[in-house]
Structures are given as C-alpha cells and as structure tokens.
Amino acid sequence: MDWNEVDRLSNIEAIGDQFLANKQSRICLDDKRNKTRTAIRALGKDTGQSTDKSWLCFGNTLVKLPNSKAKQTLEKDMNILNEEIDKVDTAMMSQAEQLQGHHTARLNQSQSLSDAHQPQLKGFDLKPLSTQERKVFSKFI
C-alpha cells in the first residue's frame, strides 16, 4: 500500500469520526430541544394552581421567575437550540458529501469509463427548511 492510499484512508476515517461525533451532538441537542418544548407546553397549560412563578434551572442554579419571563427565556433557548441543530445538520451533510465524493472517486478509478458515468443518487443533497423559512412558510398555510 502506498502513502497516498494511507492518507486517503486516514482522511476518510477522520471525516467519518467527525460525522459520528456530530450525529451524537445532534441527538443530545434534539433531546434538549424536546425537553425545552415540553417545559414551554407545561407553562402554557393552566393547571388550576394559582402560582404565577416557576423554577428554572440555569446550570447549577435554580431561579424562580414569573411564568411569562420563564416562557420567554425557554423560547429563546429553543431558538438557539434550533440554530445549533441547523449548523450540525449542515456540517453532517457536507461530511456525507465528502465521504460520498471519496467513494465515487474510488469507484471511478476502479471502473471503466462507461460504468463511471452512472447517475448520482438524487435527493440526498436536500436541505431542511431553516427556522426563518418555516416561519414564513407557516404564514402562507
């Protein structure tokens, strides 16, 4: 095996490791987003209790805030989480494209020219709507 092949394989492994790390990060961020969404829904419900303040946890600190302020804070957190998830998704898509590029380059080297011009897989380069695009789109529906 020559050094070019070793470099190519180490590059593929590094991209794959980054992809898997981003996948785990995406799972953790999605879990936080779901918990935040649940908290926002719980604050929005009328539970019949006459409390107008709620406890929020900021790191290792518990803070008692009015429900309206708590809901605003949670909604800001939700927006930040959505932006971070969008960034991770974009990074994962570019890493998947890089991995597919390595794969197609390898196929092109090993196959004849007539077989190398097979059509690319369609639909894998789609990007989800951003938060702003979803808001604009929801206005029309």
N, C-alpha and C. Protein backbone atom coordinates (compact mmCIF):
# COMPACT_ATOMS: atom_id res chain seq x y z
N MET A 1 0.85 -1.17 0.00
CA MET A 1 0.00 0.00 0.00
C MET A 1 0.90 1.24 0.00
N ASP A 2 0.62 2.18 -0.88
CA ASP A 2 1.45 3.38 -0.93
C ASP A 2 0.90 4.44 0.03
N TRP A 3 1.68 5.50 0.20
CA TRP A 3 1.34 6.54 1.18
C TRP A 3 0.11 7.33 0.77
N ASN A 4 -0.16 7.47 -0.52
CA ASN A 4 -1.36 8.18 -0.95
C ASN A 4 -2.61 7.46 -0.49
N GLU A 5 -2.57 6.15 -0.57
CA GLU A 5 -3.72 5.34 -0.12
C GLU A 5 -3.89 5.45 1.39
N VAL A 6 -2.82 5.45 2.12
CA VAL A 6 -2.89 5.59 3.59
C VAL A 6 -3.45 6.96 3.95
N ASP A 7 -2.99 8.01 3.27
CA ASP A 7 -3.51 9.35 3.53
C ASP A 7 -4.99 9.44 3.21
N ARG A 8 -5.39 8.84 2.10
CA ARG A 8 -6.80 8.86 1.71
C ARG A 8 -7.67 8.14 2.74
N LEU A 9 -7.21 6.98 3.19
CA LEU A 9 -7.97 6.23 4.18
C LEU A 9 -8.03 6.94 5.54
N SER A 10 -6.92 7.57 5.94
CA SER A 10 -6.93 8.31 7.21
C SER A 10 -7.85 9.52 7.11
N ASN A 11 -7.91 10.15 5.94
CA ASN A 11 -8.81 11.29 5.73
C ASN A 11 -10.26 10.83 5.81
N ILE A 12 -10.57 9.69 5.19
CA ILE A 12 -11.93 9.15 5.25
C ILE A 12 -12.31 8.81 6.69
N GLU A 13 -11.37 8.22 7.42
CA GLU A 13 -11.66 7.87 8.81
C GLU A 13 -11.89 9.12 9.67
N ALA A 14 -11.10 10.16 9.44
CA ALA A 14 -11.27 11.41 10.20
C ALA A 14 -12.64 12.04 9.90
N ILE A 15 -13.03 12.05 8.64
CA ILE A 15 -14.34 12.61 8.28
C ILE A 15 -15.45 11.77 8.91
N GLY A 16 -15.29 10.45 8.88
CA GLY A 16 -16.28 9.56 9.49
C GLY A 16 -16.40 9.77 10.98
N ASP A 17 -15.27 9.97 11.65
CA ASP A 17 -15.30 10.24 13.10
C ASP A 17 -16.01 11.56 13.40
N GLN A 18 -15.73 12.58 12.60
CA GLN A 18 -16.41 13.87 12.77
C GLN A 18 -17.91 13.71 12.56
N PHE A 19 -18.27 12.93 11.54
CA PHE A 19 -19.68 12.70 11.26
C PHE A 19 -20.37 12.03 12.44
N LEU A 20 -19.74 11.00 13.00
CA LEU A 20 -20.34 10.30 14.14
C LEU A 20 -20.42 11.19 15.38
N ALA A 21 -19.40 12.04 15.58
CA ALA A 21 -19.45 12.98 16.71
C ALA A 21 -20.58 13.99 16.52
N ASN A 22 -20.76 14.47 15.30
CA ASN A 22 -21.86 15.40 15.02
C ASN A 22 -23.21 14.72 15.18
N LYS A 23 -23.27 13.45 14.82
CA LYS A 23 -24.52 12.71 14.98
C LYS A 23 -24.90 12.62 16.46
N GLN A 24 -23.92 12.32 17.31
CA GLN A 24 -24.18 12.25 18.75
C GLN A 24 -24.55 13.62 19.30
N SER A 25 -23.88 14.65 18.82
CA SER A 25 -24.21 16.01 19.24
C SER A 25 -25.63 16.36 18.83
N ARG A 26 -26.03 15.95 17.64
CA ARG A 26 -27.39 16.21 17.13
C ARG A 26 -28.42 15.52 18.02
N ILE A 27 -28.12 14.32 18.45
CA ILE A 27 -29.04 13.57 19.32
C ILE A 27 -29.20 14.29 20.67
N CYS A 28 -28.08 14.75 21.24
CA CYS A 28 -28.14 15.47 22.53
C CYS A 28 -28.90 16.78 22.40
N LEU A 29 -28.63 17.52 21.32
CA LEU A 29 -29.33 18.79 21.10
C LEU A 29 -30.82 18.56 20.89
N ASP A 30 -31.18 17.52 20.18
CA ASP A 30 -32.59 17.22 19.95
C ASP A 30 -33.28 16.84 21.25
N ASP A 31 -32.57 16.13 22.13
CA ASP A 31 -33.12 15.78 23.44
C ASP A 31 -33.37 17.05 24.26
N LYS A 32 -32.40 17.97 24.24
CA LYS A 32 -32.59 19.24 24.96
C LYS A 32 -33.75 20.03 24.39
N ARG A 33 -33.87 20.02 23.06
CA ARG A 33 -34.96 20.76 22.41
C ARG A 33 -36.31 20.17 22.81
N ASN A 34 -36.40 18.85 22.86
CA ASN A 34 -37.66 18.21 23.26
C ASN A 34 -38.02 18.53 24.71
N LYS A 35 -37.03 18.55 25.58
CA LYS A 35 -37.30 18.89 26.99
C LYS A 35 -37.73 20.35 27.11
N THR A 36 -37.11 21.23 26.32
CA THR A 36 -37.48 22.64 26.35
C THR A 36 -38.90 22.82 25.81
N ARG A 37 -39.22 22.12 24.74
CA ARG A 37 -40.57 22.19 24.17
C ARG A 37 -41.60 21.72 25.19
N THR A 38 -41.28 20.65 25.91
CA THR A 38 -42.19 20.13 26.94
C THR A 38 -42.38 21.16 28.05
N ALA A 39 -41.31 21.82 28.45
CA ALA A 39 -41.40 22.84 29.50
C ALA A 39 -42.26 24.03 29.04
N ILE A 40 -42.10 24.43 27.80
CA ILE A 40 -42.90 25.55 27.27
C ILE A 40 -44.38 25.16 27.27
N ARG A 41 -44.67 23.93 26.86
CA ARG A 41 -46.07 23.48 26.84
C ARG A 41 -46.63 23.41 28.26
N ALA A 42 -45.80 22.99 29.22
CA ALA A 42 -46.27 22.90 30.61
C ALA A 42 -46.56 24.29 31.16
N LEU A 43 -45.75 25.28 30.78
CA LEU A 43 -46.01 26.64 31.24
C LEU A 43 -47.25 27.22 30.58
N GLY A 44 -47.54 26.78 29.38
CA GLY A 44 -48.71 27.30 28.66
C GLY A 44 -50.02 26.72 29.16
N LYS A 45 -49.96 25.55 29.79
CA LYS A 45 -51.18 24.92 30.29
C LYS A 45 -51.63 25.59 31.57
N ASP A 46 -52.93 25.64 31.76
CA ASP A 46 -53.50 26.14 33.01
C ASP A 46 -53.74 24.93 33.90
N THR A 47 -52.91 24.75 34.92
CA THR A 47 -53.01 23.57 35.77
C THR A 47 -53.99 23.76 36.92
N GLY A 48 -54.60 24.90 37.01
CA GLY A 48 -55.54 25.14 38.09
C GLY A 48 -54.88 25.66 39.35
N GLN A 49 -53.56 25.68 39.38
CA GLN A 49 -52.85 26.23 40.53
C GLN A 49 -52.73 27.73 40.35
N SER A 50 -52.68 28.44 41.45
CA SER A 50 -52.64 29.90 41.38
C SER A 50 -51.21 30.44 41.42
N THR A 51 -50.23 29.61 41.05
CA THR A 51 -48.85 30.08 41.07
C THR A 51 -48.58 30.88 39.80
N ASP A 52 -47.92 32.00 39.98
CA ASP A 52 -47.57 32.82 38.83
C ASP A 52 -46.06 32.84 38.60
N LYS A 53 -45.34 32.00 39.35
CA LYS A 53 -43.88 31.90 39.18
C LYS A 53 -43.49 30.44 39.05
N SER A 54 -42.38 30.24 38.35
CA SER A 54 -41.88 28.89 38.13
C SER A 54 -40.39 28.85 38.41
N TRP A 55 -39.92 27.67 38.76
CA TRP A 55 -38.50 27.46 38.99
C TRP A 55 -37.83 27.04 37.69
N LEU A 56 -36.72 27.69 37.36
CA LEU A 56 -35.91 27.32 36.21
C LEU A 56 -34.51 26.99 36.67
N CYS A 57 -33.90 26.04 36.00
CA CYS A 57 -32.54 25.63 36.32
C CYS A 57 -31.59 26.19 35.27
N PHE A 58 -30.64 27.03 35.69
CA PHE A 58 -29.59 27.58 34.84
C PHE A 58 -28.27 27.00 35.31
N GLY A 59 -27.82 25.94 34.66
CA GLY A 59 -26.60 25.28 35.11
C GLY A 59 -26.85 24.60 36.43
N ASN A 60 -26.17 25.06 37.48
CA ASN A 60 -26.35 24.50 38.83
C ASN A 60 -27.18 25.41 39.72
N THR A 61 -27.83 26.40 39.13
CA THR A 61 -28.57 27.38 39.91
C THR A 61 -30.06 27.30 39.60
N LEU A 62 -30.86 27.28 40.64
CA LEU A 62 -32.31 27.33 40.48
C LEU A 62 -32.77 28.77 40.70
N VAL A 63 -33.60 29.24 39.78
CA VAL A 63 -34.10 30.62 39.84
C VAL A 63 -35.61 30.59 39.71
N LYS A 64 -36.28 31.37 40.55
CA LYS A 64 -37.73 31.47 40.48
C LYS A 64 -38.08 32.72 39.68
N LEU A 65 -38.78 32.52 38.55
CA LEU A 65 -39.13 33.61 37.65
C LEU A 65 -40.63 33.63 37.41
N PRO A 66 -41.16 34.79 37.05
CA PRO A 66 -42.57 34.82 36.63
C PRO A 66 -42.76 33.93 35.40
N ASN A 67 -43.94 33.36 35.28
CA ASN A 67 -44.20 32.42 34.19
C ASN A 67 -43.97 33.04 32.82
N SER A 68 -44.33 34.30 32.64
CA SER A 68 -44.16 34.94 31.33
C SER A 68 -42.67 35.08 31.00
N LYS A 69 -41.88 35.47 31.98
CA LYS A 69 -40.43 35.60 31.77
C LYS A 69 -39.79 34.23 31.55
N ALA A 70 -40.26 33.24 32.28
CA ALA A 70 -39.73 31.89 32.12
C ALA A 70 -40.03 31.36 30.72
N LYS A 71 -41.24 31.62 30.24
CA LYS A 71 -41.61 31.16 28.90
C LYS A 71 -40.78 31.87 27.84
N GLN A 72 -40.54 33.17 28.00
CA GLN A 72 -39.70 33.91 27.06
C GLN A 72 -38.28 33.35 27.04
N THR A 73 -37.75 33.07 28.21
CA THR A 73 -36.40 32.52 28.31
C THR A 73 -36.31 31.16 27.63
N LEU A 74 -37.30 30.32 27.85
CA LEU A 74 -37.32 28.99 27.24
C LEU A 74 -37.47 29.09 25.72
N GLU A 75 -38.25 30.04 25.25
CA GLU A 75 -38.40 30.22 23.80
C GLU A 75 -37.10 30.70 23.16
N LYS A 76 -36.37 31.57 23.87
CA LYS A 76 -35.05 31.98 23.36
C LYS A 76 -34.11 30.79 23.30
N ASP A 77 -34.13 29.97 24.35
CA ASP A 77 -33.31 28.76 24.35
C ASP A 77 -33.69 27.83 23.20
N MET A 78 -34.98 27.74 22.93
CA MET A 78 -35.46 26.89 21.84
C MET A 78 -34.92 27.41 20.50
N ASN A 79 -34.93 28.72 20.29
CA ASN A 79 -34.40 29.29 19.05
C ASN A 79 -32.90 29.01 18.92
N ILE A 80 -32.17 29.15 20.01
CA ILE A 80 -30.72 28.88 19.98
C ILE A 80 -30.47 27.41 19.67
N LEU A 81 -31.25 26.52 20.28
CA LEU A 81 -31.09 25.09 20.01
C LEU A 81 -31.41 24.76 18.55
N ASN A 82 -32.45 25.41 18.00
CA ASN A 82 -32.79 25.17 16.59
C ASN A 82 -31.66 25.62 15.68
N GLU A 83 -31.03 26.75 15.98
CA GLU A 83 -29.91 27.24 15.17
C GLU A 83 -28.72 26.28 15.26
N GLU A 84 -28.43 25.80 16.47
CA GLU A 84 -27.32 24.86 16.64
C GLU A 84 -27.59 23.55 15.90
N ILE A 85 -28.83 23.08 15.95
CA ILE A 85 -29.18 21.85 15.23
C ILE A 85 -29.03 22.06 13.73
N ASP A 86 -29.44 23.23 13.24
CA ASP A 86 -29.28 23.52 11.81
C ASP A 86 -27.80 23.52 11.42
N LYS A 87 -26.93 24.07 12.28
CA LYS A 87 -25.50 24.09 11.98
C LYS A 87 -24.93 22.67 11.95
N VAL A 88 -25.34 21.84 12.90
CA VAL A 88 -24.85 20.46 12.95
C VAL A 88 -25.35 19.69 11.73
N ASP A 89 -26.62 19.92 11.35
CA ASP A 89 -27.16 19.25 10.16
C ASP A 89 -26.39 19.63 8.91
N THR A 90 -26.06 20.92 8.78
CA THR A 90 -25.29 21.39 7.63
C THR A 90 -23.91 20.74 7.60
N ALA A 91 -23.27 20.68 8.76
CA ALA A 91 -21.94 20.06 8.84
C ALA A 91 -22.02 18.57 8.49
N MET A 92 -23.05 17.89 8.97
CA MET A 92 -23.20 16.47 8.66
C MET A 92 -23.44 16.24 7.17
N MET A 93 -24.21 17.13 6.55
CA MET A 93 -24.47 16.99 5.12
C MET A 93 -23.18 17.18 4.31
N SER A 94 -22.36 18.17 4.69
CA SER A 94 -21.12 18.39 3.95
C SER A 94 -20.16 17.21 4.16
N GLN A 95 -20.14 16.64 5.38
CA GLN A 95 -19.28 15.49 5.63
C GLN A 95 -19.77 14.27 4.85
N ALA A 96 -21.09 14.10 4.75
CA ALA A 96 -21.62 12.98 3.97
C ALA A 96 -21.27 13.16 2.49
N GLU A 97 -21.32 14.40 2.00
CA GLU A 97 -20.94 14.66 0.62
C GLU A 97 -19.46 14.35 0.40
N GLN A 98 -18.62 14.71 1.36
CA GLN A 98 -17.19 14.42 1.25
C GLN A 98 -16.95 12.92 1.22
N LEU A 99 -17.65 12.19 2.09
CA LEU A 99 -17.49 10.74 2.11
C LEU A 99 -17.98 10.11 0.80
N GLN A 100 -19.08 10.62 0.29
CA GLN A 100 -19.58 10.09 -0.98
C GLN A 100 -18.62 10.46 -2.12
N GLY A 101 -18.00 11.65 -2.03
CA GLY A 101 -17.02 12.04 -3.04
C GLY A 101 -15.83 11.11 -3.05
N HIS A 102 -15.36 10.72 -1.87
CA HIS A 102 -14.26 9.75 -1.79
C HIS A 102 -14.68 8.41 -2.38
N HIS A 103 -15.92 8.03 -2.10
CA HIS A 103 -16.42 6.74 -2.59
C HIS A 103 -16.53 6.77 -4.12
N THR A 104 -17.11 7.84 -4.68
CA THR A 104 -17.27 7.89 -6.14
C THR A 104 -15.92 8.03 -6.83
N ALA A 105 -14.97 8.74 -6.20
CA ALA A 105 -13.64 8.84 -6.79
C ALA A 105 -12.98 7.47 -6.85
N ARG A 106 -13.15 6.70 -5.81
CA ARG A 106 -12.58 5.35 -5.78
C ARG A 106 -13.25 4.46 -6.82
N LEU A 107 -14.58 4.60 -6.97
CA LEU A 107 -15.28 3.82 -7.98
C LEU A 107 -14.82 4.20 -9.38
N ASN A 108 -14.62 5.49 -9.60
CA ASN A 108 -14.19 5.96 -10.92
C ASN A 108 -12.81 5.41 -11.26
N GLN A 109 -11.96 5.24 -10.27
CA GLN A 109 -10.63 4.68 -10.52
C GLN A 109 -10.71 3.20 -10.86
N SER A 110 -11.64 2.49 -10.24
CA SER A 110 -11.67 1.04 -10.41
C SER A 110 -12.56 0.58 -11.55
N GLN A 111 -13.48 1.42 -12.04
CA GLN A 111 -14.39 1.00 -13.09
C GLN A 111 -13.96 1.57 -14.43
N SER A 112 -14.50 1.02 -15.47
CA SER A 112 -14.22 1.56 -16.79
C SER A 112 -14.96 2.88 -16.96
N LEU A 113 -14.60 3.65 -17.97
CA LEU A 113 -15.21 4.96 -18.18
C LEU A 113 -16.70 4.87 -18.46
N SER A 114 -17.14 3.83 -19.12
CA SER A 114 -18.57 3.72 -19.42
C SER A 114 -19.39 3.47 -18.15
N ASP A 115 -18.83 2.73 -17.21
CA ASP A 115 -19.54 2.45 -15.96
C ASP A 115 -19.42 3.60 -14.97
N ALA A 116 -18.41 4.44 -15.12
CA ALA A 116 -18.15 5.51 -14.16
C ALA A 116 -19.16 6.64 -14.26
N HIS A 117 -19.87 6.75 -15.36
CA HIS A 117 -20.81 7.86 -15.54
C HIS A 117 -22.23 7.46 -15.18
N GLN A 118 -22.36 6.69 -14.13
CA GLN A 118 -23.68 6.34 -13.65
C GLN A 118 -24.31 7.56 -13.01
N PRO A 119 -25.64 7.68 -13.07
CA PRO A 119 -26.28 8.86 -12.48
C PRO A 119 -26.08 8.89 -10.96
N GLN A 120 -25.90 10.09 -10.44
CA GLN A 120 -25.74 10.27 -9.00
C GLN A 120 -27.07 10.00 -8.29
N LEU A 121 -26.99 9.63 -7.04
CA LEU A 121 -28.20 9.43 -6.26
C LEU A 121 -28.88 10.77 -6.06
N LYS A 122 -30.17 10.83 -6.32
CA LYS A 122 -30.89 12.09 -6.21
C LYS A 122 -31.65 12.13 -4.89
N GLY A 123 -31.75 13.32 -4.34
CA GLY A 123 -32.50 13.51 -3.12
C GLY A 123 -31.65 13.52 -1.87
N PHE A 124 -30.37 13.17 -1.96
CA PHE A 124 -29.51 13.15 -0.79
C PHE A 124 -28.87 14.50 -0.52
N ASP A 125 -29.04 15.45 -1.44
CA ASP A 125 -28.47 16.78 -1.25
C ASP A 125 -29.53 17.78 -0.79
N LEU A 126 -30.69 17.28 -0.36
CA LEU A 126 -31.75 18.15 0.11
C LEU A 126 -31.38 18.76 1.45
N LYS A 127 -31.80 19.97 1.66
CA LYS A 127 -31.55 20.64 2.93
C LYS A 127 -32.89 20.96 3.58
N PRO A 128 -33.00 20.80 4.90
CA PRO A 128 -34.27 21.13 5.56
C PRO A 128 -34.48 22.63 5.59
N LEU A 129 -35.72 23.03 5.75
CA LEU A 129 -36.03 24.45 5.85
C LEU A 129 -35.43 25.01 7.13
N SER A 130 -34.91 26.21 7.05
CA SER A 130 -34.40 26.86 8.25
C SER A 130 -35.57 27.33 9.09
N THR A 131 -35.29 27.78 10.29
CA THR A 131 -36.33 28.25 11.19
C THR A 131 -37.07 29.43 10.59
N GLN A 132 -36.34 30.35 9.99
CA GLN A 132 -36.97 31.52 9.37
C GLN A 132 -37.82 31.11 8.18
N GLU A 133 -37.35 30.19 7.38
CA GLU A 133 -38.12 29.72 6.23
C GLU A 133 -39.40 29.02 6.68
N ARG A 134 -39.31 28.26 7.79
CA ARG A 134 -40.50 27.59 8.31
C ARG A 134 -41.53 28.61 8.79
N LYS A 135 -41.06 29.69 9.43
CA LYS A 135 -41.99 30.73 9.91
C LYS A 135 -42.69 31.41 8.75
N VAL A 136 -41.92 31.75 7.70
CA VAL A 136 -42.52 32.38 6.53
C VAL A 136 -43.49 31.43 5.85
N PHE A 137 -43.10 30.18 5.74
CA PHE A 137 -43.95 29.18 5.09
C PHE A 137 -45.23 28.96 5.87
N SER A 138 -45.15 28.98 7.22
CA SER A 138 -46.35 28.75 8.04
C SER A 138 -47.35 29.89 7.93
N LYS A 139 -46.88 31.08 7.56
CA LYS A 139 -47.80 32.22 7.38
C LYS A 139 -48.71 32.00 6.16
N PHE A 140 -48.21 31.28 5.16
CA PHE A 140 -48.99 31.05 3.96
C PHE A 140 -49.96 29.88 4.09
N ILE A 141 -49.75 29.05 5.06
CA ILE A 141 -50.61 27.88 5.22
C ILE A 141 -51.80 28.18 6.08
